[in-house]
N, C-alpha and C. Protein backbone atom coordinates (compact mmCIF):
# COMPACT_ATOMS: atom_id res chain seq x y z
N UNK A 1 107.80 92.16 124.25
CA UNK A 1 107.35 92.37 122.98
C UNK A 1 108.05 93.09 122.10
N UNK A 2 108.85 92.81 121.06
CA UNK A 2 109.68 94.13 120.15
C UNK A 2 109.11 93.83 118.55
N UNK A 3 109.39 94.79 118.20
CA UNK A 3 108.55 95.07 116.81
C UNK A 3 109.91 95.40 115.70
N UNK A 4 109.40 94.88 114.80
CA UNK A 4 110.33 95.29 113.70
C UNK A 4 109.16 95.40 112.39
N UNK A 5 109.55 97.01 112.10
CA UNK A 5 108.71 97.87 111.32
C UNK A 5 109.55 98.38 109.99
N UNK A 6 108.59 98.98 109.55
CA UNK A 6 109.26 99.52 108.06
C UNK A 6 108.88 101.29 107.92
N UNK A 7 110.03 101.51 107.38
CA UNK A 7 109.63 103.14 107.07
C UNK A 7 110.02 103.26 105.40
N UNK A 8 109.53 104.60 105.13
CA UNK A 8 109.36 105.01 103.72
C UNK A 8 110.55 104.72 102.93
N UNK A 9 111.20 104.82 101.78
CA UNK A 9 112.09 104.54 101.03
C UNK A 9 113.31 105.53 101.13
N UNK A 10 112.76 106.76 100.89
CA UNK A 10 113.23 107.79 100.88
C UNK A 10 112.84 109.03 100.73
N UNK A 11 113.20 110.17 101.34
CA UNK A 11 112.46 111.63 101.19
C UNK A 11 111.90 112.33 100.26
N UNK A 12 112.77 111.45 98.90
CA UNK A 12 112.58 111.94 98.00
C UNK A 12 111.24 111.47 97.26
N UNK A 13 111.29 110.00 97.49
CA UNK A 13 109.78 109.43 96.97
C UNK A 13 109.00 109.70 97.71
N UNK A 14 108.96 109.83 99.08
CA UNK A 14 107.53 111.08 99.27
C UNK A 14 107.26 112.46 98.62
N UNK A 15 108.12 112.76 98.61
CA UNK A 15 107.75 114.20 97.77
C UNK A 15 107.46 113.96 96.53
N UNK A 16 107.95 112.72 95.62
CA UNK A 16 107.03 112.68 94.34
C UNK A 16 105.76 112.11 94.15
N UNK A 17 105.37 111.47 95.75
CA UNK A 17 104.20 111.13 95.56
C UNK A 17 103.26 112.39 96.26
N UNK A 18 103.82 113.24 96.89
CA UNK A 18 102.64 114.27 97.39
C UNK A 18 103.16 115.57 96.36
N UNK A 19 103.73 115.21 95.42
CA UNK A 19 103.78 116.02 94.33
C UNK A 19 102.26 115.79 93.32
N UNK A 20 102.31 114.33 93.09
CA UNK A 20 101.34 113.43 92.69
C UNK A 20 100.13 113.85 93.08
N UNK A 21 100.01 113.76 94.25
CA UNK A 21 98.52 113.98 94.68
C UNK A 21 98.06 115.44 94.81
N UNK A 22 98.84 116.20 94.56
CA UNK A 22 98.49 117.93 94.78
C UNK A 22 98.13 117.81 93.02
N UNK A 23 99.01 117.23 92.40
CA UNK A 23 98.75 117.52 90.51
C UNK A 23 97.28 116.86 90.52
N UNK A 24 97.00 115.84 90.73
CA UNK A 24 96.06 115.09 90.79
C UNK A 24 94.66 116.04 91.38
N UNK A 25 95.19 116.49 92.71
CA UNK A 25 94.11 117.24 93.41
C UNK A 25 93.33 118.70 92.60
N UNK A 26 94.89 119.23 92.22
CA UNK A 26 94.44 120.61 90.97
C UNK A 26 93.21 120.03 89.83
N UNK A 27 93.79 118.90 89.33
CA UNK A 27 92.82 118.50 88.16
C UNK A 27 91.43 117.97 88.56
N UNK A 28 91.20 118.07 89.76
CA UNK A 28 89.57 117.32 90.38
C UNK A 28 89.65 118.54 90.91
N UNK A 29 90.08 119.98 91.23
CA UNK A 29 89.49 121.15 91.13
C UNK A 29 88.78 121.79 90.22
N UNK A 30 89.82 121.26 88.91
CA UNK A 30 89.47 121.94 87.34
C UNK A 30 88.00 120.80 87.07
N UNK A 31 87.93 119.86 87.61
CA UNK A 31 86.55 119.26 86.97
C UNK A 31 85.43 119.66 87.65
N UNK A 32 85.83 119.80 89.20
CA UNK A 32 85.11 120.70 90.14
C UNK A 32 84.14 121.77 89.81
N UNK A 33 85.38 122.94 89.02
CA UNK A 33 85.06 123.53 88.48
C UNK A 33 84.25 123.90 86.52
N UNK A 34 84.67 123.02 86.38
CA UNK A 34 83.65 122.67 85.33
C UNK A 34 82.30 122.25 85.73
N UNK A 35 81.84 121.13 86.65
CA UNK A 35 81.02 121.06 86.78
C UNK A 35 79.93 122.25 87.72
N UNK A 36 80.46 122.61 88.64
CA UNK A 36 79.51 124.26 89.23
C UNK A 36 79.97 125.05 88.27
N UNK A 37 80.39 126.02 87.66
CA UNK A 37 80.65 126.31 87.05
C UNK A 37 80.09 126.25 85.60
N UNK A 38 79.37 125.04 85.11
CA UNK A 38 78.92 124.61 84.07
C UNK A 38 79.58 125.15 82.78
N UNK A 39 81.02 125.09 82.51
CA UNK A 39 81.79 125.53 81.31
C UNK A 39 81.31 124.86 80.16
N UNK A 40 80.39 125.73 79.33
CA UNK A 40 80.19 125.35 77.95
C UNK A 40 81.75 124.52 77.16
N UNK A 41 81.14 123.64 76.57
CA UNK A 41 81.75 122.58 75.86
C UNK A 41 82.22 121.71 76.52
N UNK A 42 82.52 121.68 77.95
CA UNK A 42 83.29 120.99 78.85
C UNK A 42 82.20 120.15 79.85
N UNK A 43 81.27 120.76 79.95
CA UNK A 43 80.31 120.49 81.33
C UNK A 43 79.12 119.07 80.61
N UNK A 44 78.90 119.47 79.29
CA UNK A 44 78.34 118.71 78.62
C UNK A 44 78.82 117.30 78.37
N UNK A 45 80.10 117.14 78.37
CA UNK A 45 80.75 116.02 78.49
C UNK A 45 81.42 115.27 79.46
N UNK A 46 81.20 115.74 80.64
CA UNK A 46 81.24 115.37 82.04
C UNK A 46 80.19 114.14 82.59
N UNK A 47 81.53 113.11 82.88
CA UNK A 47 80.13 111.85 83.36
C UNK A 47 80.54 112.07 84.71
N UNK A 48 79.83 112.76 85.43
CA UNK A 48 79.75 112.88 86.98
C UNK A 48 80.05 111.69 87.84
N UNK A 49 79.61 110.74 87.85
CA UNK A 49 79.31 109.72 88.48
C UNK A 49 81.12 108.97 88.20
N UNK A 50 81.55 108.82 86.84
CA UNK A 50 82.50 108.06 86.62
C UNK A 50 83.51 109.28 87.16
N UNK A 51 83.59 110.29 87.01
CA UNK A 51 84.78 111.40 87.23
C UNK A 51 85.12 110.97 88.79
N UNK A 52 84.10 111.03 89.33
CA UNK A 52 84.28 110.77 91.11
C UNK A 52 84.93 109.39 91.63
N UNK A 53 84.48 108.32 91.17
CA UNK A 53 84.74 107.06 91.12
C UNK A 53 86.70 106.87 90.83
N UNK A 54 86.64 107.65 89.42
CA UNK A 54 88.32 107.64 89.23
C UNK A 54 89.30 108.57 90.09
N UNK A 55 88.58 109.48 90.71
CA UNK A 55 89.39 110.37 91.51
C UNK A 55 89.74 109.50 92.98
N UNK A 56 88.45 109.25 93.21
CA UNK A 56 88.55 108.26 94.74
C UNK A 56 89.27 106.94 94.36
N UNK A 57 89.35 106.19 93.47
CA UNK A 57 90.11 105.34 92.94
C UNK A 57 91.77 105.36 92.86
N UNK A 58 92.01 106.79 92.35
CA UNK A 58 93.23 107.32 92.31
C UNK A 58 94.22 107.49 93.39
N UNK A 59 92.90 108.49 94.45
CA UNK A 59 93.75 108.86 95.08
C UNK A 59 93.77 107.95 96.76
N UNK A 60 92.94 106.90 96.25
CA UNK A 60 92.81 105.53 97.16
C UNK A 60 94.43 104.84 96.89
N UNK A 61 94.74 104.45 95.47
CA UNK A 61 96.10 104.34 94.92
C UNK A 61 97.54 104.41 95.65
N UNK A 62 96.96 105.95 95.31
CA UNK A 62 98.43 106.89 95.85
C UNK A 62 98.82 107.37 97.13
N UNK A 63 97.64 106.94 97.87
CA UNK A 63 97.74 107.28 99.54
C UNK A 63 98.29 105.36 99.85
N UNK A 64 98.13 104.47 99.29
CA UNK A 64 98.65 103.15 99.47
C UNK A 64 99.86 103.29 99.39
N UNK A 65 100.19 103.52 98.29
CA UNK A 65 101.60 103.80 97.64
C UNK A 65 102.66 104.88 98.86
N UNK A 66 101.88 105.76 99.44
CA UNK A 66 102.53 106.81 100.23
C UNK A 66 102.71 106.17 101.63
N UNK A 67 101.63 105.51 102.14
CA UNK A 67 101.54 105.32 103.24
C UNK A 67 101.84 103.70 103.39
N UNK A 68 101.75 102.93 102.36
CA UNK A 68 101.91 101.71 102.32
C UNK A 68 102.58 100.87 103.30
N UNK A 69 103.71 101.28 103.76
CA UNK A 69 104.57 100.85 104.76
C UNK A 69 104.32 100.66 105.71
N UNK A 70 103.12 101.41 106.19
CA UNK A 70 102.63 101.61 107.77
C UNK A 70 101.66 99.70 107.63
N UNK A 71 101.44 99.56 106.66
CA UNK A 71 100.31 98.27 107.14
C UNK A 71 100.95 96.71 107.25
N UNK A 72 102.60 96.80 107.49
CA UNK A 72 103.01 96.01 107.44
C UNK A 72 104.04 96.07 108.42
N UNK A 73 104.16 94.71 109.48
CA UNK A 73 104.75 94.70 110.89
C UNK A 73 105.21 93.24 111.24
N UNK A 74 106.68 93.09 112.23
CA UNK A 74 106.77 92.18 112.53
C UNK A 74 107.03 92.44 114.41
N UNK A 75 106.55 90.99 115.10
CA UNK A 75 106.70 91.55 116.52
C UNK A 75 107.40 90.09 116.74
N UNK A 76 108.41 89.85 118.10
CA UNK A 76 108.75 88.78 118.36
C UNK A 76 109.35 89.13 119.82
N UNK A 77 109.12 87.95 120.61
CA UNK A 77 109.70 87.75 121.84
C UNK A 77 110.75 86.44 121.68
N UNK A 78 111.10 86.43 122.89
CA UNK A 78 111.94 85.18 123.42
C UNK A 78 111.57 83.57 122.92
N UNK A 79 110.15 83.60 122.26
CA UNK A 79 109.70 82.09 122.02
C UNK A 79 109.10 82.14 120.77
N UNK A 80 108.70 83.07 120.12
CA UNK A 80 108.26 83.18 118.72
C UNK A 80 108.20 84.68 118.14
N UNK A 81 107.95 84.41 116.67
CA UNK A 81 108.04 85.50 115.76
C UNK A 81 106.67 85.64 114.97
N UNK A 82 106.59 86.53 114.78
CA UNK A 82 104.87 87.02 113.73
C UNK A 82 104.95 87.87 113.29
N UNK A 83 104.39 87.84 111.28
CA UNK A 83 104.31 88.75 110.64
C UNK A 83 103.40 89.14 110.34
N UNK A 84 102.77 90.56 110.37
CA UNK A 84 101.44 90.92 110.22
C UNK A 84 101.19 91.98 108.79
N UNK A 85 100.25 91.37 108.45
CA UNK A 85 99.72 92.44 106.80
C UNK A 85 98.35 92.48 107.16
N UNK A 86 98.62 93.72 107.71
CA UNK A 86 96.81 94.73 107.74
C UNK A 86 96.27 94.92 106.97
N UNK A 87 97.09 95.29 105.69
CA UNK A 87 96.05 95.55 104.56
C UNK A 87 94.87 94.05 104.37
N UNK A 88 95.56 93.14 104.46
CA UNK A 88 94.96 91.76 103.90
C UNK A 88 94.39 91.50 105.27
N UNK A 89 94.85 92.06 106.62
CA UNK A 89 94.27 91.23 108.04
C UNK A 89 94.99 90.10 108.30
N UNK A 90 95.96 89.53 107.70
CA UNK A 90 96.39 88.24 107.89
C UNK A 90 97.43 88.68 108.49
N UNK A 91 97.95 87.21 109.72
CA UNK A 91 99.40 87.25 110.38
C UNK A 91 99.74 85.66 110.12
N UNK A 92 101.27 85.83 110.37
CA UNK A 92 101.67 84.34 110.50
C UNK A 92 102.82 84.50 111.47
N UNK A 93 102.55 83.18 112.50
CA UNK A 93 103.98 83.13 113.55
C UNK A 93 104.48 81.55 113.36
N UNK A 94 105.47 82.16 114.19
CA UNK A 94 106.60 80.62 114.08
C UNK A 94 107.10 80.88 115.66
N UNK A 95 107.08 79.79 115.96
CA UNK A 95 108.11 79.87 117.40
C UNK A 95 109.31 78.87 116.98
N UNK A 96 110.26 80.07 117.77
CA UNK A 96 111.57 79.94 117.13
C UNK A 96 111.96 78.10 117.44
N UNK A 97 111.42 77.61 118.33
CA UNK A 97 111.76 76.19 118.48
C UNK A 97 111.83 75.18 117.67
N UNK A 98 110.94 75.80 116.30
CA UNK A 98 110.58 75.31 115.10
C UNK A 98 111.85 75.38 114.26
N UNK A 99 112.81 76.52 114.26
CA UNK A 99 114.10 76.93 113.67
C UNK A 99 115.10 76.58 114.14
N UNK A 100 116.04 75.79 112.96
CA UNK A 100 117.32 75.53 113.04
C UNK A 100 118.27 76.60 112.66
N UNK A 101 117.79 77.29 111.57
CA UNK A 101 119.03 78.27 110.81
C UNK A 101 118.07 79.45 110.23
N UNK A 102 118.62 80.60 110.77
CA UNK A 102 118.14 81.78 110.18
C UNK A 102 119.14 82.58 109.18
N UNK A 103 118.82 82.95 107.93
CA UNK A 103 119.57 83.62 106.75
C UNK A 103 119.28 85.01 106.33
N UNK A 104 119.68 85.90 106.85
CA UNK A 104 119.67 87.27 106.42
C UNK A 104 120.35 87.35 105.09
N UNK A 105 119.39 87.33 104.38
CA UNK A 105 119.72 87.21 102.59
C UNK A 105 119.43 88.84 102.01
N UNK A 106 119.28 88.69 100.57
CA UNK A 106 118.93 90.06 100.47
C UNK A 106 117.69 90.64 100.27
N UNK A 107 116.67 89.67 100.27
CA UNK A 107 115.37 89.63 100.01
C UNK A 107 114.80 90.37 101.46
N UNK A 108 115.21 89.08 102.93
CA UNK A 108 114.85 89.68 103.79
C UNK A 108 115.64 88.48 104.98
N UNK A 109 114.89 87.77 105.81
CA UNK A 109 115.30 86.79 106.68
C UNK A 109 114.30 85.47 106.32
N UNK A 110 115.09 84.74 106.63
CA UNK A 110 114.46 83.20 105.91
C UNK A 110 114.74 82.18 107.31
N UNK A 111 113.74 81.57 107.48
CA UNK A 111 114.14 80.87 108.77
C UNK A 111 113.92 79.21 108.04
N UNK A 112 114.68 78.50 108.50
CA UNK A 112 114.78 77.03 107.86
C UNK A 112 114.58 75.86 108.79
N UNK A 113 113.93 74.78 108.99
CA UNK A 113 113.91 73.76 109.80
C UNK A 113 115.29 73.16 110.21
N UNK A 114 116.49 73.36 109.37
CA UNK A 114 117.50 72.38 109.42
C UNK A 114 118.39 73.42 109.44
N UNK A 115 119.78 72.66 110.01
CA UNK A 115 120.83 74.08 109.86
C UNK A 115 121.58 73.82 108.44
N UNK A 116 121.29 73.30 107.58
CA UNK A 116 122.28 73.26 105.96
C UNK A 116 120.84 73.52 105.41
N UNK A 117 120.00 73.75 105.48
CA UNK A 117 118.46 74.37 104.70
C UNK A 117 118.69 75.20 103.75
N UNK A 118 119.27 76.18 103.95
CA UNK A 118 119.67 77.07 102.71
C UNK A 118 120.48 76.53 101.78
N UNK A 119 121.26 75.69 101.87
CA UNK A 119 122.11 75.03 101.26
C UNK A 119 121.44 73.53 100.40
N UNK A 120 120.58 72.59 100.88
CA UNK A 120 120.05 71.60 100.20
C UNK A 120 118.39 72.01 99.39
N UNK A 121 118.23 73.68 99.92
CA UNK A 121 116.89 73.57 98.55
C UNK A 121 115.64 73.43 99.58
N UNK A 122 115.66 73.30 100.86
CA UNK A 122 114.99 73.19 101.70
C UNK A 122 113.98 74.58 101.85
N UNK A 123 112.67 74.39 101.68
CA UNK A 123 111.61 75.78 101.69
C UNK A 123 112.00 76.72 102.90
N UNK A 124 111.92 77.80 102.77
CA UNK A 124 111.90 78.35 104.31
C UNK A 124 110.54 77.89 105.11
N UNK A 125 110.61 78.29 106.35
CA UNK A 125 109.45 77.72 107.24
C UNK A 125 108.34 79.19 107.58
N UNK A 126 109.58 79.92 107.81
CA UNK A 126 109.16 81.26 107.87
C UNK A 126 110.08 82.48 107.12
N UNK A 127 108.98 83.63 106.69
CA UNK A 127 110.22 84.63 105.56
C UNK A 127 109.25 85.92 106.36
N UNK A 128 110.77 86.86 106.88
CA UNK A 128 110.10 88.29 107.08
C UNK A 128 110.81 89.07 106.11
N UNK A 129 110.07 89.80 105.36
CA UNK A 129 110.66 90.40 104.22
C UNK A 129 111.41 92.07 104.47
N UNK A 130 112.33 92.50 103.93
CA UNK A 130 113.16 93.88 103.96
C UNK A 130 112.37 94.81 102.82
N UNK A 131 111.42 94.65 102.09
CA UNK A 131 111.09 95.32 101.39
C UNK A 131 109.19 95.61 100.84
N UNK A 132 108.36 96.29 101.74
CA UNK A 132 107.06 95.82 102.07
C UNK A 132 106.46 97.58 101.96
N UNK A 133 106.48 97.98 100.65
CA UNK A 133 105.47 99.40 100.51
C UNK A 133 106.65 100.09 101.52
N UNK A 134 108.18 99.86 101.56
CA UNK A 134 109.19 100.46 102.45
C UNK A 134 110.29 99.87 102.59
N UNK A 135 111.03 99.99 103.58
CA UNK A 135 112.19 99.61 103.63
C UNK A 135 112.19 98.71 105.10
N UNK A 136 112.78 98.01 105.53
CA UNK A 136 112.47 97.44 107.11
C UNK A 136 113.25 98.36 107.47
N UNK A 137 113.25 99.03 108.80
CA UNK A 137 113.97 100.06 109.91
C UNK A 137 115.04 99.15 109.97
N UNK A 138 116.28 99.88 110.44
CA UNK A 138 117.60 99.05 110.09
C UNK A 138 118.41 98.88 111.72
N UNK A 139 117.55 99.97 112.23
CA UNK A 139 118.20 99.41 114.19
C UNK A 139 117.26 98.33 114.34
N UNK A 140 115.53 98.01 114.20
CA UNK A 140 115.24 97.33 114.48
C UNK A 140 115.36 96.21 113.96
N UNK A 141 115.57 95.82 112.71
CA UNK A 141 116.25 94.62 112.26
C UNK A 141 117.67 93.84 112.98
N UNK A 142 118.29 94.83 112.98
CA UNK A 142 119.94 94.87 113.99
C UNK A 142 120.00 94.00 114.96
N UNK A 143 118.70 94.94 115.72
CA UNK A 143 118.59 94.35 117.42
C UNK A 143 117.90 92.97 117.19
N UNK A 144 117.15 92.71 116.03
CA UNK A 144 116.53 91.22 115.90
C UNK A 144 118.02 90.43 115.35
N UNK A 145 118.46 90.56 114.81
CA UNK A 145 119.85 89.90 114.54
C UNK A 145 120.38 89.63 115.88
N UNK A 146 120.78 90.74 116.40
CA UNK A 146 121.70 90.43 118.00
C UNK A 146 120.92 89.52 118.50
N UNK A 147 119.55 89.45 118.88
CA UNK A 147 119.20 88.59 120.05
C UNK A 147 119.10 87.17 119.27
N UNK A 148 118.64 86.75 117.82
CA UNK A 148 119.42 85.85 117.41
C UNK A 148 120.67 85.28 117.11
N UNK A 149 121.70 85.78 117.52
CA UNK A 149 122.60 85.41 117.41
C UNK A 149 123.12 85.08 118.78
N UNK A 150 122.30 85.45 119.82
CA UNK A 150 122.42 85.07 121.45
C UNK A 150 122.01 83.87 121.53
N UNK A 151 121.07 83.44 120.92
CA UNK A 151 120.16 82.12 120.89
C UNK A 151 121.28 81.16 120.81
N UNK A 152 121.21 79.80 121.67
CA UNK A 152 122.24 78.72 121.13
C UNK A 152 121.43 77.69 120.29
N UNK A 153 119.99 77.78 119.69
CA UNK A 153 119.25 76.84 119.34
C UNK A 153 119.08 77.27 118.23
N UNK A 154 119.57 78.56 117.39
CA UNK A 154 119.77 78.91 116.03
C UNK A 154 120.95 79.14 115.40
N UNK A 155 121.30 78.69 114.51
CA UNK A 155 122.53 79.23 113.57
C UNK A 155 122.07 80.65 112.78
N UNK A 156 122.77 81.76 112.61
CA UNK A 156 122.09 82.83 111.96
C UNK A 156 124.01 83.09 111.37
N UNK A 157 123.31 83.23 109.71
CA UNK A 157 123.76 83.75 108.45
C UNK A 157 123.35 84.87 108.10
N UNK A 158 124.80 86.08 108.02
CA UNK A 158 124.47 86.98 107.15
C UNK A 158 125.08 87.33 105.97
N UNK A 159 124.13 87.48 104.97
CA UNK A 159 125.04 87.04 103.53
C UNK A 159 125.31 88.92 102.86
N UNK A 160 125.31 89.73 103.57
CA UNK A 160 125.77 91.12 102.93
C UNK A 160 126.28 91.45 104.25
N UNK A 161 127.14 92.75 103.83
CA UNK A 161 127.95 93.78 104.51
C UNK A 161 126.61 94.99 104.85
N UNK A 162 126.30 95.36 103.88
CA UNK A 162 125.18 96.67 104.09
C UNK A 162 124.14 95.90 103.94
N UNK A 163 123.12 96.77 104.83
CA UNK A 163 121.49 95.71 104.93
C UNK A 163 120.72 96.22 103.47
N UNK A 164 120.16 95.24 102.78
CA UNK A 164 119.55 96.02 101.60
C UNK A 164 118.72 97.16 101.53
N UNK A 165 118.18 97.99 100.79
CA UNK A 165 117.97 99.26 100.94
C UNK A 165 118.57 100.73 101.64
N UNK A 166 119.72 100.39 102.07
CA UNK A 166 120.61 101.33 102.83
C UNK A 166 122.02 101.33 102.10
N UNK A 167 121.88 100.45 100.87
CA UNK A 167 123.44 100.73 100.00
C UNK A 167 123.36 101.99 99.20
N UNK A 168 124.60 102.38 98.83
CA UNK A 168 124.80 103.47 97.66
C UNK A 168 123.90 103.23 96.74
N UNK A 169 123.45 102.36 95.67
CA UNK A 169 122.67 102.04 94.88
C UNK A 169 121.42 102.89 94.98
N UNK A 170 120.78 102.84 96.55
CA UNK A 170 119.97 103.52 96.98
C UNK A 170 119.71 104.90 96.84
N UNK A 171 121.16 105.46 96.89
CA UNK A 171 121.08 106.62 96.80
C UNK A 171 120.98 107.49 95.59
N UNK A 172 121.50 106.42 94.53
CA UNK A 172 121.09 107.22 93.27
C UNK A 172 119.73 106.86 92.85
N UNK A 173 119.01 106.10 93.14
CA UNK A 173 117.60 106.12 93.31
C UNK A 173 116.97 107.35 93.96
N UNK A 174 117.49 107.59 95.22
CA UNK A 174 116.81 108.88 95.32
C UNK A 174 117.09 110.14 94.47
N UNK A 175 118.38 110.15 93.64
CA UNK A 175 118.31 111.42 92.73
C UNK A 175 117.11 111.02 91.86
N UNK A 176 117.06 109.86 91.80
CA UNK A 176 115.99 109.86 90.54
C UNK A 176 114.43 110.26 91.00
N UNK A 177 114.39 109.84 91.72
CA UNK A 177 113.23 110.11 92.23
C UNK A 177 112.83 111.81 92.96
N UNK A 178 114.17 112.13 92.76
CA UNK A 178 114.06 113.61 93.03
C UNK A 178 113.94 114.33 92.12
N UNK A 179 114.42 113.93 90.65
CA UNK A 179 114.45 114.43 89.23
C UNK A 179 113.00 114.45 88.45
N UNK A 180 112.09 112.94 89.12
CA UNK A 180 110.82 112.99 88.95
C UNK A 180 109.94 114.18 89.57
N UNK A 181 110.37 114.14 90.60
CA UNK A 181 109.44 115.15 91.70
C UNK A 181 109.51 116.95 91.28
N UNK A 182 110.41 116.99 90.67
CA UNK A 182 110.91 118.23 90.10
C UNK A 182 109.98 118.43 88.74
N UNK A 183 109.67 117.51 87.77
CA UNK A 183 109.25 117.09 86.91
C UNK A 183 107.58 117.23 87.22
N UNK A 184 107.23 116.54 88.59
CA UNK A 184 105.95 116.49 88.70
C UNK A 184 105.61 118.24 89.11
N UNK A 185 106.61 118.47 89.73
CA UNK A 185 106.35 119.72 90.26
C UNK A 185 105.90 120.76 89.09
N UNK A 186 106.70 120.71 87.97
CA UNK A 186 106.50 121.44 87.10
C UNK A 186 105.02 121.04 86.13
N UNK A 187 104.88 120.23 86.10
CA UNK A 187 103.38 119.54 85.53
C UNK A 187 102.33 120.36 86.68
N UNK A 188 102.47 120.78 87.86
CA UNK A 188 101.77 121.08 88.66
C UNK A 188 101.03 122.13 88.29
N UNK A 189 101.87 122.90 87.37
CA UNK A 189 101.87 124.42 86.98
C UNK A 189 100.25 124.67 86.39
N UNK A 190 100.15 123.67 85.44
CA UNK A 190 99.29 123.79 84.02
C UNK A 190 97.51 123.61 84.97
N UNK A 191 97.69 122.62 85.74
CA UNK A 191 96.09 122.52 86.05
C UNK A 191 96.09 123.85 87.39
N UNK A 192 96.85 124.53 87.76
CA UNK A 192 96.88 125.69 89.00
C UNK A 192 96.69 126.61 88.16
N UNK A 193 97.38 126.57 86.86
CA UNK A 193 97.05 127.83 85.96
C UNK A 193 95.46 127.92 85.77
N UNK A 194 94.94 126.95 85.38
CA UNK A 194 93.28 126.75 84.73
C UNK A 194 92.47 126.79 85.77
N UNK A 195 92.56 126.66 87.01
CA UNK A 195 92.04 126.42 88.47
C UNK A 195 91.78 128.29 88.54
N UNK A 196 92.84 128.69 88.70
CA UNK A 196 92.99 130.07 88.57
C UNK A 196 91.75 131.31 87.69
N UNK A 197 91.98 130.82 86.21
CA UNK A 197 91.72 131.18 85.30
C UNK A 197 90.27 131.11 85.63
N UNK A 198 89.90 129.60 85.85
CA UNK A 198 88.16 129.43 85.81
C UNK A 198 87.65 130.31 86.96
N UNK A 199 88.52 130.19 88.26
CA UNK A 199 88.13 130.92 89.01
C UNK A 199 87.73 132.67 89.01
N UNK A 200 88.59 133.00 88.48
CA UNK A 200 88.78 134.64 88.37
C UNK A 200 87.35 135.18 87.21
N UNK A 201 87.34 134.27 86.60
CA UNK A 201 86.41 134.36 85.01
C UNK A 201 84.74 133.96 85.05
N UNK A 202 84.33 133.26 86.80
CA UNK A 202 83.19 133.04 87.04
C UNK A 202 83.01 133.50 88.70
């Protein structure tokens, strides 16, 4: 059984979300200090249950964004392919005997029941997305492409020269994420300063 997994989009995106986690963690520490030290003018206005729920939901969302790609996976052997969505606990399978055409497009791999299914507007009978909380692993999807090309019962078409998610425009996105990560780092200084001041004064 071979697998097709996903990986994070780029390192700068991961750093950005780490900075986001640090920022909101520091904000949570500030709220905790207000509650513990009963800071006048602030403690009276704090809704403790709502604050706990808010930060729990916030961290859950950031965790899903940060690690979301790990919830998706495809596996295949010489007889069938299966796509897993572990977040929703769902899976879909397709025997290769049902497919006559596999098209590697800009969004993913589409399987059709007829050899001209993509041209006639036929709805794909199975689909493996390239983007799910991250980008598809280049080596594993390339191995999948080679395995399909080696089959005589499935026609394979590749509509790109560079795998989507690995082209030059994604390097521009990496720079943007890096810039946003720096801004997030600067923003962390304010709650960190407040944490230190409150701790020193109490």
